[in-house]
């Protein structure tokens, strides 16, 4: 059975090209193509597609706005953001709201197909350039191991944050309340002297790289 996909971009030619590219993969069915964020949100609500590919910058609502609304409404839609460029702050916000993938517009078309396939299989997908961008923020962080600073539960939550899971999804994973996860996250930030999910993800990634 094909995964259903909604795409949204305010450039008509790119929207058409996206639709053709997604269809060419053979495993996906386009259920809607929207020219702006507000219409995309409305169509996501009515169609409930498996995956939504959203341009980061769109009229009315941005891709991040739509992602936030999807997460707050607890719709089971996996959001992929498509963008020419993205700041560390936007990456952090996207991860906080549970983005499933980020694809850069200057990347090869194979990247979008690979991302779609991975997300359809239930996996998060980020390009190497974005991973490096996240990792760069860890340069000034202390070298002490996470295990030496955090409790076992905090360490578990840190790794789930690094996978891009939202607090709600982390709570489901660890069988805890979302408020309890928020408290753990606050304690993690305090212990590591950081203030964002992106920095935490960078520390987890750096430690994994050092241990490999």
Protein backbone atom coordinates (compact mmCIF):
# COMPACT_ATOMS: atom_id res chain seq x y z
CA UNK A 1 0.00 0.00 0.00
CA UNK A 2 1.36 3.42 -0.98
CA UNK A 3 2.07 6.07 1.66
CA UNK A 4 -0.05 9.19 1.17
CA UNK A 5 1.81 12.49 0.83
CA UNK A 6 0.80 16.15 0.94
CA UNK A 7 3.20 18.71 -0.49
CA UNK A 8 3.17 22.47 0.04
CA UNK A 9 5.24 25.18 -1.64
CA UNK A 10 4.35 28.69 -2.77
CA UNK A 11 6.29 28.37 -6.06
CA UNK A 12 4.00 26.69 -8.66
CA UNK A 13 6.82 25.25 -10.77
CA UNK A 14 8.58 23.78 -7.76
CA UNK A 15 5.29 22.41 -6.46
CA UNK A 16 4.70 20.66 -9.78
CA UNK A 17 8.28 19.34 -9.88
CA UNK A 18 7.94 18.03 -6.32
CA UNK A 19 4.74 16.20 -7.18
CA UNK A 20 6.36 14.57 -10.21
CA UNK A 21 9.44 13.58 -8.22
CA UNK A 22 7.42 12.02 -5.40
CA UNK A 23 5.22 10.11 -7.86
CA UNK A 24 8.31 8.84 -9.70
CA UNK A 25 9.41 6.95 -6.58
CA UNK A 26 6.44 4.64 -7.05
CA UNK A 27 5.76 4.07 -3.36
CA UNK A 28 3.89 7.30 -2.66
CA UNK A 29 0.54 8.82 -3.59
CA UNK A 30 0.08 12.60 -3.72
CA UNK A 31 -3.23 13.47 -2.05
CA UNK A 32 -2.89 17.27 -2.13
CA UNK A 33 -0.58 20.02 -3.40
CA UNK A 34 -1.00 23.30 -1.51
CA UNK A 35 0.37 26.75 -2.44
CA UNK A 36 0.57 28.15 1.11
CA UNK A 37 0.85 27.11 4.74
CA UNK A 38 -2.72 27.85 5.80
CA UNK A 39 -4.22 25.75 3.04
CA UNK A 40 -1.67 23.02 3.76
CA UNK A 41 -2.79 22.90 7.41
CA UNK A 42 -6.46 22.72 6.39
CA UNK A 43 -5.77 19.93 3.88
CA UNK A 44 -3.65 17.99 6.38
CA UNK A 45 -6.60 18.13 8.74
CA UNK A 46 -9.06 16.86 6.14
CA UNK A 47 -6.84 14.29 4.37
CA UNK A 48 -4.66 13.13 7.29
CA UNK A 49 -1.81 12.06 4.97
CA UNK A 50 0.98 9.81 6.19
CA UNK A 51 3.62 12.42 5.32
CA UNK A 52 3.60 16.18 4.68
CA UNK A 53 6.45 17.86 2.78
CA UNK A 54 6.39 21.55 3.65
CA UNK A 55 8.43 24.46 2.36
CA UNK A 56 9.95 26.25 5.35
CA UNK A 57 9.02 29.73 4.03
CA UNK A 58 5.43 30.10 2.81
CA UNK A 59 2.70 32.78 2.95
CA UNK A 60 0.15 32.82 5.79
CA UNK A 61 1.79 30.03 7.79
CA UNK A 62 5.43 28.91 7.57
CA UNK A 63 6.43 25.27 7.49
CA UNK A 64 7.39 25.56 11.17
CA UNK A 65 3.97 27.04 11.98
CA UNK A 66 2.25 24.11 10.28
CA UNK A 67 4.55 21.62 12.04
CA UNK A 68 3.73 23.18 15.41
CA UNK A 69 -0.01 23.04 14.70
CA UNK A 70 0.20 19.41 13.58
CA UNK A 71 2.04 18.45 16.77
CA UNK A 72 -0.26 20.44 19.07
CA UNK A 73 -3.32 18.82 17.48
CA UNK A 74 -1.67 15.40 17.82
CA UNK A 75 -2.28 14.52 14.18
CA UNK A 76 -0.35 11.36 13.18
CA UNK A 77 1.33 13.10 10.24
CA UNK A 78 5.09 12.91 9.73
CA UNK A 79 6.38 16.31 8.65
CA UNK A 80 9.39 16.87 6.38
CA UNK A 81 10.66 20.43 5.95
CA UNK A 82 12.07 21.54 2.60
CA UNK A 83 14.26 24.63 2.63
CA UNK A 84 17.00 26.55 0.84
CA UNK A 85 18.63 27.38 4.18
CA UNK A 86 17.87 26.96 7.88
CA UNK A 87 19.33 28.56 11.00
CA UNK A 88 20.38 26.68 14.16
CA UNK A 89 17.43 28.29 15.94
CA UNK A 90 15.02 27.00 13.29
CA UNK A 91 16.59 23.53 13.49
CA UNK A 92 16.12 23.60 17.25
CA UNK A 93 12.48 24.64 16.91
CA UNK A 94 11.82 21.99 14.26
CA UNK A 95 13.31 19.30 16.49
CA UNK A 96 11.33 20.56 19.47
CA UNK A 97 8.10 20.16 17.51
CA UNK A 98 9.00 16.68 16.31
CA UNK A 99 10.08 17.15 12.68
CA UNK A 100 10.77 13.85 10.93
CA UNK A 101 13.12 15.12 8.23
CA UNK A 102 14.78 18.21 6.78
CA UNK A 103 15.79 18.35 3.11
CA UNK A 104 17.84 21.15 1.57
CA UNK A 105 16.66 22.42 -1.81
CA UNK A 106 20.18 22.43 -3.25
CA UNK A 107 20.61 18.73 -2.48
CA UNK A 108 20.30 15.96 -5.04
CA UNK A 109 16.77 14.77 -5.77
CA UNK A 110 17.80 11.39 -4.38
CA UNK A 111 17.99 12.99 -0.92
CA UNK A 112 14.28 13.75 -0.89
CA UNK A 113 13.40 10.24 -2.02
CA UNK A 114 15.75 8.73 0.57
CA UNK A 115 14.21 10.96 3.24
CA UNK A 116 10.68 9.96 2.20
CA UNK A 117 11.52 6.26 2.30
CA UNK A 118 13.18 6.53 5.71
CA UNK A 119 10.33 8.58 7.19
CA UNK A 120 7.73 6.22 5.73
CA UNK A 121 9.59 3.40 7.50
CA UNK A 122 9.36 5.28 10.80
CA UNK A 123 12.89 6.70 10.88
CA UNK A 124 14.10 10.28 11.29
CA UNK A 125 16.27 11.68 8.48
CA UNK A 126 18.65 14.66 8.46
CA UNK A 127 21.26 15.53 5.82
CA UNK A 128 24.92 15.50 6.81
CA UNK A 129 25.12 19.28 6.37
CA UNK A 130 22.41 19.80 9.00
CA UNK A 131 24.02 17.27 11.34
CA UNK A 132 27.32 19.17 11.04
CA UNK A 133 25.49 22.43 11.71
CA UNK A 134 24.02 20.96 14.89
CA UNK A 135 27.37 19.51 15.88
CA UNK A 136 29.14 22.85 15.51
CA UNK A 137 27.30 24.26 18.52
CA UNK A 138 28.94 21.66 20.78
CA UNK A 139 32.48 22.99 20.34
CA UNK A 140 32.44 25.06 23.51
CA UNK A 141 30.69 22.50 25.68
CA UNK A 142 32.46 20.69 28.57
CA UNK A 143 34.19 17.42 27.74
CA UNK A 144 32.82 15.46 30.71
CA UNK A 145 30.85 12.40 29.65
CA UNK A 146 27.07 12.62 29.75
CA UNK A 147 26.90 9.48 31.88
CA UNK A 148 29.03 11.21 34.53
CA UNK A 149 26.66 14.19 34.66
CA UNK A 150 23.20 12.68 34.18
CA UNK A 151 21.04 10.04 35.82
CA UNK A 152 20.13 6.96 33.80
CA UNK A 153 16.66 8.36 33.03
CA UNK A 154 18.10 11.75 32.05
CA UNK A 155 20.60 10.00 29.78
CA UNK A 156 17.77 8.04 28.14
CA UNK A 157 15.79 11.24 27.56
CA UNK A 158 18.88 13.01 26.17
CA UNK A 159 19.31 10.31 23.54
CA UNK A 160 15.62 10.47 22.59
CA UNK A 161 15.89 14.26 22.21
CA UNK A 162 18.88 13.69 19.91
CA UNK A 163 16.67 11.45 17.76
CA UNK A 164 14.34 14.41 17.22
CA UNK A 165 11.46 13.21 19.39
CA UNK A 166 9.10 15.74 20.95
CA UNK A 167 8.41 15.72 24.71
CA UNK A 168 5.09 14.00 24.07
CA UNK A 169 6.69 11.19 22.08
CA UNK A 170 9.48 10.85 24.64
CA UNK A 171 6.86 10.52 27.37
CA UNK A 172 5.24 7.69 25.43
CA UNK A 173 8.61 5.98 24.95
CA UNK A 174 9.59 6.08 28.62
CA UNK A 175 6.05 5.55 29.97
CA UNK A 176 6.02 8.85 31.85
CA UNK A 177 4.00 12.06 31.93
CA UNK A 178 4.93 14.81 29.49
CA UNK A 179 5.34 17.22 32.42
CA UNK A 180 7.83 14.85 34.03
CA UNK A 181 9.85 14.76 30.81
CA UNK A 182 9.92 18.58 30.82
CA UNK A 183 11.29 18.54 34.37
CA UNK A 184 13.98 16.03 33.41
CA UNK A 185 14.89 18.16 30.41
CA UNK A 186 15.18 21.26 32.60
CA UNK A 187 17.53 19.36 34.92
CA UNK A 188 19.59 18.14 31.96
CA UNK A 189 19.99 21.69 30.67
CA UNK A 190 21.03 22.90 34.13
CA UNK A 191 23.58 20.11 34.66
CA UNK A 192 25.15 20.53 31.22
CA UNK A 193 24.92 24.34 31.21
CA UNK A 194 23.04 24.43 27.90
CA UNK A 195 19.75 25.98 26.83
CA UNK A 196 18.45 24.19 23.75
CA UNK A 197 17.58 20.80 22.28
CA UNK A 198 19.99 21.42 19.41
CA UNK A 199 22.91 21.81 21.82
CA UNK A 200 21.87 18.67 23.68
CA UNK A 201 21.62 16.73 20.41
CA UNK A 202 25.07 18.02 19.45
CA UNK A 203 26.56 16.79 22.73
CA UNK A 204 25.00 13.35 22.30
CA UNK A 205 26.26 13.17 18.70
CA UNK A 206 29.77 14.26 19.71
CA UNK A 207 29.97 11.69 22.50
CA UNK A 208 28.75 8.94 20.16
CA UNK A 209 31.40 9.94 17.62
CA UNK A 210 34.15 9.94 20.25
CA UNK A 211 33.07 6.52 21.44
CA UNK A 212 32.97 4.98 17.97
